[in-house]
Amino acid sequence: MNRIKEVLEEKGIKQTWLADKLGKSYNMVNAYVQNRHQPRLEILFEIAKTLDVNPKDLLKETNVEDNK
């Protein structure tokens, strides 16, 4: 799971802007934002750089107990 949606909202940035900056389709960025598809690590770092955040800020911590 990622926090891309939350970070975009916090910064007031539209998915279309992010898609343009990444050279990705809106549909692909929307899949990342909706957690239907997780970006490769390289893309996650590119998203973090584009949004001027630490890559860790784009990740949600999961509790191991929740996954049992």
N, C-alpha and C. Protein backbone atom coordinates (compact mmCIF):
# COMPACT_ATOMS: atom_id res chain seq x y z
N MET A 1 0.84 -1.18 0.00
CA MET A 1 0.00 0.00 0.00
C MET A 1 0.88 1.25 0.00
N ASN A 2 0.41 2.26 -0.66
CA ASN A 2 1.19 3.49 -0.70
C ASN A 2 0.31 4.68 -0.29
N ARG A 3 0.98 5.80 -0.06
CA ARG A 3 0.32 7.03 0.37
C ARG A 3 0.34 8.11 -0.72
N ILE A 4 0.48 7.73 -1.96
CA ILE A 4 0.59 8.71 -3.03
C ILE A 4 -0.64 9.62 -3.05
N LYS A 5 -1.82 9.04 -2.90
CA LYS A 5 -3.05 9.83 -2.91
C LYS A 5 -3.02 10.89 -1.81
N GLU A 6 -2.64 10.49 -0.60
CA GLU A 6 -2.61 11.43 0.52
C GLU A 6 -1.61 12.55 0.29
N VAL A 7 -0.44 12.20 -0.23
CA VAL A 7 0.59 13.22 -0.48
C VAL A 7 0.13 14.20 -1.56
N LEU A 8 -0.49 13.69 -2.62
CA LEU A 8 -1.01 14.57 -3.66
C LEU A 8 -2.04 15.54 -3.07
N GLU A 9 -2.94 15.02 -2.24
CA GLU A 9 -3.96 15.87 -1.62
C GLU A 9 -3.33 16.92 -0.69
N GLU A 10 -2.35 16.49 0.11
CA GLU A 10 -1.67 17.41 1.03
C GLU A 10 -1.02 18.56 0.27
N LYS A 11 -0.46 18.25 -0.90
CA LYS A 11 0.25 19.25 -1.68
C LYS A 11 -0.63 19.98 -2.70
N GLY A 12 -1.88 19.53 -2.81
CA GLY A 12 -2.78 20.16 -3.77
C GLY A 12 -2.39 19.90 -5.21
N ILE A 13 -1.85 18.72 -5.48
CA ILE A 13 -1.37 18.37 -6.82
C ILE A 13 -2.34 17.38 -7.46
N LYS A 14 -2.60 17.58 -8.73
CA LYS A 14 -3.51 16.71 -9.49
C LYS A 14 -2.75 15.52 -10.07
N GLN A 15 -3.46 14.42 -10.21
CA GLN A 15 -2.88 13.22 -10.81
C GLN A 15 -2.41 13.48 -12.24
N THR A 16 -3.13 14.32 -12.97
CA THR A 16 -2.75 14.61 -14.36
C THR A 16 -1.39 15.30 -14.40
N TRP A 17 -1.11 16.19 -13.44
CA TRP A 17 0.18 16.86 -13.37
C TRP A 17 1.29 15.84 -13.12
N LEU A 18 1.04 14.94 -12.16
CA LEU A 18 2.05 13.92 -11.83
C LEU A 18 2.28 13.01 -13.03
N ALA A 19 1.22 12.61 -13.70
CA ALA A 19 1.35 11.75 -14.88
C ALA A 19 2.21 12.43 -15.94
N ASP A 20 1.98 13.71 -16.17
CA ASP A 20 2.75 14.47 -17.15
C ASP A 20 4.23 14.53 -16.75
N LYS A 21 4.51 14.82 -15.48
CA LYS A 21 5.89 14.93 -15.01
C LYS A 21 6.64 13.60 -15.10
N LEU A 22 5.90 12.49 -14.87
CA LEU A 22 6.53 11.16 -14.91
C LEU A 22 6.59 10.58 -16.31
N GLY A 23 5.85 11.19 -17.25
CA GLY A 23 5.79 10.63 -18.60
C GLY A 23 4.99 9.34 -18.61
N LYS A 24 4.02 9.23 -17.70
CA LYS A 24 3.16 8.05 -17.61
C LYS A 24 1.74 8.46 -17.99
N SER A 25 0.93 7.47 -18.32
CA SER A 25 -0.47 7.76 -18.63
C SER A 25 -1.22 8.09 -17.34
N TYR A 26 -2.30 8.84 -17.50
CA TYR A 26 -3.15 9.14 -16.35
C TYR A 26 -3.65 7.84 -15.73
N ASN A 27 -4.01 6.86 -16.57
CA ASN A 27 -4.53 5.60 -16.06
C ASN A 27 -3.52 4.87 -15.18
N MET A 28 -2.25 4.91 -15.56
CA MET A 28 -1.23 4.25 -14.75
C MET A 28 -1.06 4.96 -13.41
N VAL A 29 -0.97 6.29 -13.43
CA VAL A 29 -0.82 7.05 -12.19
C VAL A 29 -2.06 6.84 -11.31
N ASN A 30 -3.23 6.82 -11.93
CA ASN A 30 -4.45 6.58 -11.16
C ASN A 30 -4.42 5.20 -10.50
N ALA A 31 -3.88 4.21 -11.18
CA ALA A 31 -3.76 2.87 -10.60
C ALA A 31 -2.83 2.89 -9.39
N TYR A 32 -1.73 3.68 -9.47
CA TYR A 32 -0.85 3.84 -8.31
C TYR A 32 -1.59 4.51 -7.16
N VAL A 33 -2.28 5.60 -7.48
CA VAL A 33 -2.98 6.40 -6.46
C VAL A 33 -4.07 5.58 -5.78
N GLN A 34 -4.77 4.75 -6.53
CA GLN A 34 -5.87 3.94 -5.98
C GLN A 34 -5.38 2.61 -5.40
N ASN A 35 -4.07 2.40 -5.41
CA ASN A 35 -3.46 1.17 -4.89
C ASN A 35 -3.93 -0.09 -5.62
N ARG A 36 -4.30 0.07 -6.89
CA ARG A 36 -4.62 -1.09 -7.71
C ARG A 36 -3.35 -1.70 -8.29
N HIS A 37 -2.31 -0.87 -8.39
CA HIS A 37 -1.02 -1.29 -8.95
C HIS A 37 0.06 -0.57 -8.16
N GLN A 38 1.08 -1.29 -7.73
CA GLN A 38 2.17 -0.66 -6.98
C GLN A 38 3.31 -0.33 -7.93
N PRO A 39 3.83 0.90 -7.84
CA PRO A 39 4.94 1.28 -8.73
C PRO A 39 6.21 0.51 -8.40
N ARG A 40 7.00 0.25 -9.43
CA ARG A 40 8.33 -0.33 -9.21
C ARG A 40 9.12 0.63 -8.33
N LEU A 41 10.13 0.13 -7.67
CA LEU A 41 10.93 0.93 -6.74
C LEU A 41 11.51 2.16 -7.43
N GLU A 42 11.99 2.00 -8.67
CA GLU A 42 12.56 3.15 -9.39
C GLU A 42 11.50 4.23 -9.60
N ILE A 43 10.29 3.82 -9.92
CA ILE A 43 9.20 4.77 -10.14
C ILE A 43 8.80 5.43 -8.83
N LEU A 44 8.78 4.66 -7.75
CA LEU A 44 8.45 5.23 -6.44
C LEU A 44 9.44 6.34 -6.09
N PHE A 45 10.73 6.10 -6.33
CA PHE A 45 11.74 7.12 -6.06
C PHE A 45 11.55 8.34 -6.97
N GLU A 46 11.16 8.10 -8.21
CA GLU A 46 10.91 9.20 -9.14
C GLU A 46 9.70 10.02 -8.69
N ILE A 47 8.67 9.34 -8.22
CA ILE A 47 7.48 10.03 -7.71
C ILE A 47 7.87 10.88 -6.50
N ALA A 48 8.65 10.30 -5.59
CA ALA A 48 9.08 11.03 -4.39
C ALA A 48 9.88 12.27 -4.77
N LYS A 49 10.79 12.14 -5.72
CA LYS A 49 11.59 13.28 -6.16
C LYS A 49 10.71 14.35 -6.78
N THR A 50 9.76 13.93 -7.61
CA THR A 50 8.86 14.87 -8.27
C THR A 50 7.99 15.61 -7.26
N LEU A 51 7.55 14.90 -6.21
CA LEU A 51 6.70 15.51 -5.20
C LEU A 51 7.50 16.17 -4.08
N ASP A 52 8.82 16.06 -4.16
CA ASP A 52 9.72 16.66 -3.17
C ASP A 52 9.43 16.13 -1.76
N VAL A 53 9.37 14.79 -1.67
CA VAL A 53 9.19 14.13 -0.38
C VAL A 53 10.18 12.98 -0.27
N ASN A 54 10.35 12.50 0.94
CA ASN A 54 11.18 11.32 1.18
C ASN A 54 10.40 10.11 0.67
N PRO A 55 11.06 9.18 -0.02
CA PRO A 55 10.33 7.99 -0.50
C PRO A 55 9.57 7.27 0.61
N LYS A 56 10.10 7.29 1.83
CA LYS A 56 9.40 6.66 2.96
C LYS A 56 8.04 7.30 3.21
N ASP A 57 7.90 8.59 2.86
CA ASP A 57 6.63 9.29 3.07
C ASP A 57 5.54 8.77 2.14
N LEU A 58 5.92 8.02 1.13
CA LEU A 58 4.94 7.47 0.18
C LEU A 58 4.49 6.07 0.56
N LEU A 59 5.07 5.52 1.62
CA LEU A 59 4.75 4.15 2.01
C LEU A 59 3.93 4.12 3.28
N LYS A 60 3.00 3.18 3.34
CA LYS A 60 2.22 2.96 4.55
C LYS A 60 2.87 1.82 5.31
N GLU A 61 3.00 2.01 6.60
CA GLU A 61 3.50 0.92 7.42
C GLU A 61 2.38 -0.09 7.60
N THR A 62 2.74 -1.36 7.55
CA THR A 62 1.75 -2.39 7.79
C THR A 62 2.12 -3.14 9.05
N ASN A 63 1.14 -3.50 9.79
CA ASN A 63 1.33 -4.26 11.00
C ASN A 63 1.30 -5.74 10.63
N VAL A 64 2.35 -6.47 10.97
CA VAL A 64 2.43 -7.89 10.61
C VAL A 64 1.23 -8.63 11.18
N GLU A 65 0.78 -8.26 12.37
CA GLU A 65 -0.37 -8.92 12.99
C GLU A 65 -1.63 -8.76 12.15
N ASP A 66 -1.76 -7.63 11.45
CA ASP A 66 -2.95 -7.37 10.62
C ASP A 66 -3.02 -8.32 9.43
N ASN A 67 -1.88 -8.87 9.03
CA ASN A 67 -1.83 -9.70 7.84
C ASN A 67 -2.04 -11.18 8.14
N LYS A 68 -2.26 -11.52 9.39
CA LYS A 68 -2.44 -12.93 9.75
C LYS A 68 -3.89 -13.33 9.68
